[in-house]
Amino acid sequence: MVTPSSPAARLATRLSFLVAGFGVASWAPLVPFAKARLGIDDGAMGMMLLCLGLGSVLTMSATGALAARFGSRPIVILGGLGVAVFLPFLAVAGTPLALGSALFAFGAALGSLDVAINVHAVDVERAAQRPLMSGFHALYSIGGFAGATSMTLMLSAGLAPLAGVLVNAALMLAAMALAAPRLVRAKGDPEGARFAVPRGAVVLLSLLAGATFLAEGAMLDWSALLITKAGLVAVAQGGIGYMLFSIAMTAGRFAGDRTVAKLGDRAVLRWGGLVAVAGFAVLLTVPVAWLALAGFVLIGLGASNIVPVLFRLAGTQTAMPSAQAISVLSTIGYAGILIGPAGIGGLARTTGLHGAFWLLAILFALTPILAGRVTDRPA
């Protein structure tokens, strides 16, 4: 039997994070194609993305209880398979109803996978008795980079969107086949898996997690439209922004544990937030294409270790049980990444995408502002 402390469990956790990032990023370059295929505006596209968020949050609310009863392993497996199976439908849906339904199903699979892999990761990290969360989230970033890059390259080479997603879906199925027998067969923690209303320090930690994940979701769902509408790149290369963001975030997370050990949680939150805000300013104000795209690099570097630090702080605060706090942080954070971008579409109707992205910069500024308060506790 696979134990949480075994190398096999760590490999399975990394593969599962990889699949989650790869699957959601494979959708990012398809957004302009889906919008053009349906002939809808930014606001209507935002409503489509809301379907993805609704599917995710509805399954998130049930994932904790299911993980407590059956363990995180079956949910990780079903979620990973669902992401791979539903992805091709996003490339062929020809009506708003069809796309909304496909996004709802895709989001449901993604939401259950995202929460379940974090529950699994917490068990594995505790058994190892050393920091692993930054490394696990780095694999999510690698998946994001690989998914966006592969789809962008295939689309740029003239491959049809359906053919591209079928290739990526096959790769995800292979990864899940490798991970499934190595996942821990455990019932999990009933307290940590069940959703609870945040209190004490967890309120601020959840606020920062939601803001950070919301910005990441905007990078995924709207960055391609932002830079193509601004004339910075052609439509077929729209995924390059998220690709750069993912590369920078991956590099930052691989160095995350060493960075935190040297600088401390407070400095990482403070300087990471400031670097991300600077990245938004560069992206939204610099007219030269290659310089503006460098803003994605700054945003990725700045945001890279914020979420892992927030997870660690949630696990060491004393306002509520640590497992319960981690479950709350996961749910609210991923709700931000999946529901928030739909609000960006609605806001874009009145302010434009540039105005909506400035709001993201303001939200990111909360991290350096509140860094002292959230780290003014044992961590």
Protein backbone atom coordinates (compact mmCIF):
# COMPACT_ATOMS: atom_id res chain seq x y z
CA MET A 1 0.00 0.00 0.00
CA VAL A 2 1.22 3.49 -0.85
CA THR A 3 1.87 5.60 2.26
CA PRO A 4 1.83 9.44 2.41
CA SER A 5 5.56 9.49 3.15
CA SER A 6 6.56 7.35 0.15
CA PRO A 7 8.24 8.71 -3.00
CA ALA A 8 5.39 7.18 -5.02
CA ALA A 9 2.85 9.39 -3.21
CA ARG A 10 4.92 12.49 -3.92
CA LEU A 11 5.21 11.53 -7.60
CA ALA A 12 1.46 10.99 -7.87
CA THR A 13 0.78 14.35 -6.23
CA ARG A 14 3.12 16.12 -8.64
CA LEU A 15 1.55 14.40 -11.66
CA SER A 16 -1.94 15.37 -10.47
CA PHE A 17 -0.93 19.02 -10.07
CA LEU A 18 0.66 18.82 -13.52
CA VAL A 19 -2.57 17.55 -15.08
CA ALA A 20 -4.64 20.28 -13.39
CA GLY A 21 -2.42 23.06 -14.71
CA PHE A 22 -2.05 21.46 -18.14
CA GLY A 23 -5.78 20.99 -18.59
CA VAL A 24 -6.89 24.47 -17.64
CA ALA A 25 -4.09 26.11 -19.65
CA SER A 26 -5.02 24.12 -22.74
CA TRP A 27 -8.27 26.10 -22.72
CA ALA A 28 -6.59 29.54 -22.56
CA PRO A 29 -5.49 29.81 -26.25
CA LEU A 30 -8.93 28.60 -27.35
CA VAL A 31 -10.78 31.58 -25.85
CA PRO A 32 -10.37 33.91 -28.89
CA PHE A 33 -11.38 31.04 -31.21
CA ALA A 34 -14.48 30.26 -29.14
CA LYS A 35 -15.45 33.94 -29.02
CA ALA A 36 -15.07 34.29 -32.79
CA ARG A 37 -16.88 31.01 -33.48
CA LEU A 38 -19.91 32.14 -31.49
CA GLY A 39 -19.74 35.78 -32.59
CA ILE A 40 -20.20 37.19 -29.08
CA ASP A 41 -18.75 40.21 -27.26
CA ASP A 42 -16.57 40.37 -24.15
CA GLY A 43 -19.56 40.54 -21.80
CA ALA A 44 -21.19 37.47 -23.31
CA MET A 45 -17.87 35.63 -23.17
CA GLY A 46 -17.71 36.52 -19.51
CA MET A 47 -21.08 34.82 -19.02
CA MET A 48 -19.69 31.72 -20.72
CA LEU A 49 -16.76 31.72 -18.33
CA LEU A 50 -19.19 32.09 -15.44
CA CYS A 51 -20.50 28.64 -16.35
CA LEU A 52 -17.00 27.24 -15.80
CA GLY A 53 -16.82 28.92 -12.40
CA LEU A 54 -20.27 27.77 -11.34
CA GLY A 55 -19.47 24.17 -12.20
CA SER A 56 -16.27 24.39 -10.19
CA VAL A 57 -17.71 25.96 -7.07
CA LEU A 58 -20.68 23.58 -6.94
CA THR A 59 -18.34 20.58 -6.94
CA MET A 60 -15.92 22.26 -4.53
CA SER A 61 -18.66 22.51 -1.93
CA ALA A 62 -19.12 18.73 -2.08
CA THR A 63 -15.50 17.66 -2.57
CA GLY A 64 -14.49 18.07 1.06
CA ALA A 65 -17.25 15.80 2.35
CA LEU A 66 -16.58 13.25 -0.39
CA ALA A 67 -12.84 13.25 0.36
CA ALA A 68 -13.61 12.73 4.05
CA ARG A 69 -15.77 9.70 3.25
CA PHE A 70 -13.89 8.09 0.37
CA GLY A 71 -10.44 9.68 0.55
CA SER A 72 -8.97 12.15 -1.92
CA ARG A 73 -7.68 9.44 -4.29
CA PRO A 74 -10.92 8.59 -6.17
CA ILE A 75 -11.79 12.28 -6.51
CA VAL A 76 -8.36 13.11 -7.92
CA ILE A 77 -8.74 10.29 -10.45
CA LEU A 78 -12.28 11.19 -11.52
CA GLY A 79 -11.45 14.91 -11.65
CA GLY A 80 -8.36 14.33 -13.79
CA LEU A 81 -10.25 12.06 -16.18
CA GLY A 82 -13.09 14.56 -16.40
CA VAL A 83 -10.77 17.44 -17.34
CA ALA A 84 -9.31 15.33 -20.17
CA VAL A 85 -12.67 14.07 -21.42
CA PHE A 86 -14.51 17.40 -21.43
CA LEU A 87 -11.68 19.51 -22.91
CA PRO A 88 -12.38 18.54 -26.57
CA PHE A 89 -15.98 19.72 -26.30
CA LEU A 90 -14.70 23.27 -25.69
CA ALA A 91 -13.14 23.28 -29.16
CA VAL A 92 -16.29 22.28 -31.07
CA ALA A 93 -19.24 23.79 -29.17
CA GLY A 94 -21.09 25.84 -31.78
CA THR A 95 -23.76 27.61 -29.72
CA PRO A 96 -23.66 29.58 -26.44
CA LEU A 97 -25.74 26.86 -24.77
CA ALA A 98 -23.38 24.11 -25.93
CA LEU A 99 -20.27 26.03 -24.86
CA GLY A 100 -21.80 26.99 -21.52
CA SER A 101 -22.72 23.37 -20.81
CA ALA A 102 -19.26 22.14 -21.81
CA LEU A 103 -17.58 24.78 -19.64
CA PHE A 104 -19.83 23.85 -16.70
CA ALA A 105 -18.81 20.17 -16.97
CA PHE A 106 -15.15 21.08 -17.51
CA GLY A 107 -15.26 23.40 -14.50
CA ALA A 108 -16.91 20.75 -12.34
CA ALA A 109 -14.11 18.30 -13.07
CA LEU A 110 -11.46 20.96 -12.56
CA GLY A 111 -12.93 22.22 -9.29
CA SER A 112 -13.09 18.77 -7.72
CA LEU A 113 -9.55 18.00 -8.91
CA ASP A 114 -8.12 21.27 -7.57
CA VAL A 115 -9.50 20.81 -4.06
CA ALA A 116 -8.75 17.09 -3.88
CA ILE A 117 -5.11 17.48 -4.92
CA ASN A 118 -4.57 20.09 -2.21
CA VAL A 119 -6.09 17.78 0.40
CA HIS A 120 -3.80 15.01 -0.85
CA ALA A 121 -0.80 17.36 -0.90
CA VAL A 122 -1.36 18.42 2.72
CA ASP A 123 -1.30 14.78 3.84
CA VAL A 124 1.87 14.07 1.85
CA GLU A 125 3.64 17.22 3.11
CA ARG A 126 2.82 16.44 6.73
CA ALA A 127 4.12 12.90 6.39
CA ALA A 128 7.36 14.17 4.83
CA GLN A 129 7.84 16.70 7.67
CA ARG A 130 9.38 19.22 5.33
CA PRO A 131 8.06 21.94 2.98
CA LEU A 132 6.72 20.52 -0.28
CA MET A 133 3.81 22.81 -1.18
CA SER A 134 5.83 25.22 -3.34
CA GLY A 135 7.18 22.29 -5.34
CA PHE A 136 3.72 20.83 -5.83
CA HIS A 137 2.35 24.16 -7.02
CA ALA A 138 5.38 24.51 -9.29
CA LEU A 139 4.17 21.41 -11.13
CA TYR A 140 0.81 23.13 -11.61
CA SER A 141 2.71 26.03 -13.17
CA ILE A 142 4.73 23.67 -15.36
CA GLY A 143 1.47 22.17 -16.50
CA GLY A 144 0.16 25.65 -17.26
CA PHE A 145 3.22 26.47 -19.31
CA ALA A 146 3.15 23.15 -21.16
CA GLY A 147 -0.58 23.33 -21.88
CA ALA A 148 -0.54 26.90 -23.16
CA THR A 149 2.68 26.36 -25.11
CA SER A 150 1.59 23.15 -26.79
CA MET A 151 -1.77 24.59 -27.84
CA THR A 152 -0.20 27.84 -29.05
CA LEU A 153 2.40 25.97 -31.12
CA MET A 154 -0.16 23.62 -32.63
CA LEU A 155 -2.55 26.45 -33.49
CA SER A 156 0.29 28.54 -34.92
CA ALA A 157 1.26 25.58 -37.13
CA GLY A 158 -2.26 25.56 -38.56
CA LEU A 159 -3.61 22.58 -36.63
CA ALA A 160 -7.36 22.71 -36.00
CA PRO A 161 -8.37 23.47 -32.39
CA LEU A 162 -10.07 20.07 -32.03
CA ALA A 163 -6.97 18.20 -33.15
CA GLY A 164 -4.86 20.16 -30.68
CA VAL A 165 -7.08 19.45 -27.68
CA LEU A 166 -7.29 15.77 -28.57
CA VAL A 167 -3.50 15.57 -28.39
CA ASN A 168 -3.45 17.29 -25.01
CA ALA A 169 -6.33 15.18 -23.68
CA ALA A 170 -4.41 12.00 -24.56
CA LEU A 171 -1.37 13.27 -22.66
CA MET A 172 -3.48 13.98 -19.56
CA LEU A 173 -5.04 10.52 -19.67
CA ALA A 174 -1.57 8.97 -19.80
CA ALA A 175 -0.42 11.03 -16.80
CA MET A 176 -3.48 10.06 -14.75
CA ALA A 177 -2.91 6.39 -15.60
CA LEU A 178 0.59 6.74 -14.14
CA ALA A 179 -0.56 8.66 -11.06
CA ALA A 180 -3.65 6.65 -10.09
CA PRO A 181 -1.98 3.56 -8.55
CA ARG A 182 0.45 5.78 -6.61
CA LEU A 183 -2.15 7.99 -4.91
CA VAL A 184 -2.63 7.42 -1.18
CA ARG A 185 -5.62 5.24 -0.25
CA ALA A 186 -6.63 7.23 2.82
CA LYS A 187 -9.94 8.55 4.15
CA GLY A 188 -8.48 11.99 4.76
CA ASP A 189 -9.28 14.43 7.52
CA PRO A 190 -13.03 15.04 8.08
CA GLU A 191 -12.33 18.40 9.74
CA GLY A 192 -10.04 19.70 7.02
CA ALA A 193 -12.09 18.42 4.11
CA ARG A 194 -15.35 20.03 5.22
CA PHE A 195 -16.03 23.63 4.18
CA ALA A 196 -16.22 26.08 7.08
CA VAL A 197 -16.71 29.81 7.41
CA PRO A 198 -13.26 31.42 7.87
CA ARG A 199 -12.55 33.28 11.09
CA GLY A 200 -9.66 35.07 12.69
CA ALA A 201 -6.45 35.13 10.68
CA VAL A 202 -8.01 32.88 8.05
CA VAL A 203 -10.30 35.71 6.93
CA LEU A 204 -7.38 37.84 5.73
CA LEU A 205 -5.50 34.83 4.38
CA SER A 206 -8.57 33.84 2.36
CA LEU A 207 -8.99 37.40 1.07
CA LEU A 208 -5.42 37.46 -0.22
CA ALA A 209 -5.74 33.97 -1.68
CA GLY A 210 -8.92 34.93 -3.51
CA ALA A 211 -7.30 38.09 -4.94
CA THR A 212 -4.19 36.22 -6.06
CA PHE A 213 -6.11 33.39 -7.68
CA LEU A 214 -8.48 35.86 -9.33
CA ALA A 215 -5.52 37.52 -11.02
CA GLU A 216 -4.21 34.14 -12.14
CA GLY A 217 -7.62 33.30 -13.56
CA ALA A 218 -7.64 36.58 -15.47
CA MET A 219 -4.24 35.71 -16.93
CA LEU A 220 -5.70 32.41 -18.08
CA ASP A 221 -9.01 33.56 -19.52
CA TRP A 222 -8.43 37.16 -20.63
CA SER A 223 -4.73 37.75 -21.32
CA ALA A 224 -5.00 36.42 -24.89
CA LEU A 225 -7.84 38.82 -25.70
CA LEU A 226 -6.06 41.70 -23.93
CA ILE A 227 -2.87 41.49 -25.98
CA THR A 228 -4.52 40.57 -29.29
CA LYS A 229 -7.02 43.45 -29.08
CA ALA A 230 -4.13 45.80 -28.27
CA GLY A 231 -2.34 44.62 -31.41
CA LEU A 232 0.67 43.31 -29.48
CA VAL A 233 0.47 39.83 -31.06
CA ALA A 234 -1.57 38.00 -33.70
CA VAL A 235 -4.59 35.91 -32.65
CA ALA A 236 -2.76 32.61 -33.18
CA GLN A 237 -0.06 33.77 -30.73
CA GLY A 238 -2.53 34.95 -28.09
CA GLY A 239 -1.37 32.29 -25.62
CA ILE A 240 2.14 33.74 -25.39
CA GLY A 241 1.20 36.02 -22.49
CA TYR A 242 0.00 33.18 -20.29
CA MET A 243 3.00 31.14 -21.43
CA LEU A 244 5.41 33.84 -20.16
CA PHE A 245 3.41 34.20 -16.95
CA SER A 246 3.61 30.43 -16.38
CA ILE A 247 7.36 30.27 -17.04
CA ALA A 248 8.04 33.03 -14.52
CA MET A 249 5.73 31.53 -11.91
CA THR A 250 7.32 28.11 -12.31
CA ALA A 251 10.84 29.50 -11.87
CA GLY A 252 9.76 31.46 -8.80
CA ARG A 253 8.13 28.43 -7.18
CA PHE A 254 11.07 26.14 -7.75
CA ALA A 255 13.16 28.64 -5.79
CA GLY A 256 10.32 29.28 -3.33
CA ASP A 257 11.37 27.20 -0.35
CA ARG A 258 14.92 28.59 -0.42
CA THR A 259 13.62 32.14 -0.89
CA VAL A 260 11.27 31.92 2.08
CA ALA A 261 13.99 30.37 4.24
CA LYS A 262 16.28 33.30 3.46
CA LEU A 263 13.85 36.24 3.47
CA GLY A 264 10.90 35.05 5.55
CA ASP A 265 7.18 34.90 4.80
CA ARG A 266 6.54 38.60 5.35
CA ALA A 267 9.21 39.78 2.89
CA VAL A 268 8.08 37.28 0.26
CA LEU A 269 4.48 38.50 0.49
CA ARG A 270 5.45 42.17 0.53
CA TRP A 271 7.99 42.16 -2.30
CA GLY A 272 6.09 39.59 -4.32
CA GLY A 273 2.99 41.76 -4.28
CA LEU A 274 4.94 44.88 -5.26
CA VAL A 275 6.65 43.11 -8.17
CA ALA A 276 3.29 41.85 -9.43
CA VAL A 277 1.74 45.33 -9.29
CA ALA A 278 4.73 46.68 -11.23
CA GLY A 279 4.15 43.95 -13.82
CA PHE A 280 0.56 45.05 -14.35
CA ALA A 281 1.73 48.65 -14.78
CA VAL A 282 4.25 47.61 -17.46
CA LEU A 283 1.75 45.43 -19.30
CA LEU A 284 -0.93 48.11 -19.39
CA THR A 285 1.13 51.23 -20.13
CA VAL A 286 4.15 50.30 -22.28
CA PRO A 287 3.34 50.49 -26.03
CA VAL A 288 6.33 48.43 -27.22
CA ALA A 289 5.20 44.82 -27.63
CA TRP A 290 8.21 42.96 -26.21
CA LEU A 291 8.50 45.32 -23.26
CA ALA A 292 4.79 45.12 -22.50
CA LEU A 293 4.93 41.32 -22.60
CA ALA A 294 7.69 41.49 -19.97
CA GLY A 295 4.91 42.56 -17.62
CA PHE A 296 3.66 38.95 -17.66
CA VAL A 297 7.07 37.85 -16.40
CA LEU A 298 6.97 40.31 -13.50
CA ILE A 299 3.42 39.30 -12.57
CA GLY A 300 4.37 35.62 -12.60
CA LEU A 301 7.50 36.13 -10.50
CA GLY A 302 5.72 38.33 -7.99
CA ALA A 303 2.75 36.01 -7.57
CA SER A 304 4.71 32.75 -7.61
CA ASN A 305 5.18 32.16 -3.88
CA ILE A 306 2.27 34.12 -2.46
CA VAL A 307 -0.15 31.19 -2.49
CA PRO A 308 2.28 28.60 -1.03
CA VAL A 309 3.09 31.03 1.79
CA LEU A 310 -0.62 31.59 2.43
CA PHE A 311 -1.18 27.83 2.66
CA ARG A 312 1.66 27.52 5.17
CA LEU A 313 0.31 30.40 7.26
CA ALA A 314 -3.16 28.83 7.22
CA GLY A 315 -1.63 25.62 8.55
CA THR A 316 0.08 27.37 11.49
CA GLN A 317 -2.54 29.88 12.60
CA THR A 318 -4.50 29.14 15.79
CA ALA A 319 -7.91 30.70 15.10
CA MET A 320 -9.30 27.43 13.71
CA PRO A 321 -8.02 23.89 13.08
CA SER A 322 -5.26 23.93 10.50
CA ALA A 323 -6.78 21.29 8.23
CA GLN A 324 -10.07 23.16 8.23
CA ALA A 325 -8.30 26.44 7.43
CA ILE A 326 -6.46 24.87 4.51
CA SER A 327 -9.76 23.55 3.14
CA VAL A 328 -11.31 27.02 3.38
CA LEU A 329 -8.31 28.63 1.71
CA SER A 330 -8.43 26.13 -1.15
CA THR A 331 -12.13 26.64 -1.78
CA ILE A 332 -12.10 30.45 -1.64
CA GLY A 333 -8.86 30.69 -3.60
CA TYR A 334 -10.01 28.48 -6.43
CA ALA A 335 -13.40 30.18 -6.43
CA GLY A 336 -11.45 33.37 -7.18
CA ILE A 337 -9.57 31.82 -10.09
CA LEU A 338 -12.71 30.36 -11.66
CA ILE A 339 -15.53 32.79 -10.87
CA GLY A 340 -13.56 36.06 -10.82
CA PRO A 341 -12.72 36.13 -14.53
CA ALA A 342 -16.44 36.11 -15.35
CA GLY A 343 -16.73 39.37 -13.43
CA ILE A 344 -13.81 40.75 -15.44
CA GLY A 345 -15.89 40.22 -18.59
CA GLY A 346 -18.80 42.16 -17.15
CA LEU A 347 -16.53 44.97 -15.98
CA ALA A 348 -14.87 45.08 -19.40
CA ARG A 349 -18.18 46.15 -20.92
CA THR A 350 -17.94 49.50 -19.13
CA THR A 351 -14.24 50.04 -18.50
CA GLY A 352 -12.66 47.93 -21.23
CA LEU A 353 -10.19 45.12 -20.57
CA HIS A 354 -7.45 47.60 -19.66
CA GLY A 355 -9.62 49.09 -16.93
CA ALA A 356 -10.51 45.64 -15.61
CA PHE A 357 -6.82 44.67 -15.45
CA TRP A 358 -6.05 47.85 -13.50
CA LEU A 359 -8.54 46.62 -10.91
CA LEU A 360 -6.50 43.40 -10.65
CA ALA A 361 -3.40 45.49 -9.93
CA ILE A 362 -5.26 47.23 -7.10
CA LEU A 363 -6.33 43.89 -5.64
CA PHE A 364 -2.74 42.65 -5.78
CA ALA A 365 -1.66 45.72 -3.83
CA LEU A 366 -3.57 44.28 -0.84
CA THR A 367 -0.85 41.66 -0.40
CA PRO A 368 2.03 44.01 0.48
CA ILE A 369 -0.37 46.20 2.47
CA LEU A 370 -1.56 43.29 4.63
CA ALA A 371 1.70 41.30 4.69
CA GLY A 372 2.57 42.54 8.17
CA ARG A 373 -0.80 41.62 9.65
CA VAL A 374 -1.07 38.10 8.24
CA THR A 375 2.50 37.22 9.27
CA ASP A 376 2.24 38.79 12.74
CA ARG A 377 1.45 35.31 14.08
CA PRO A 378 3.38 32.06 14.48
CA ALA A 379 4.26 30.85 11.00
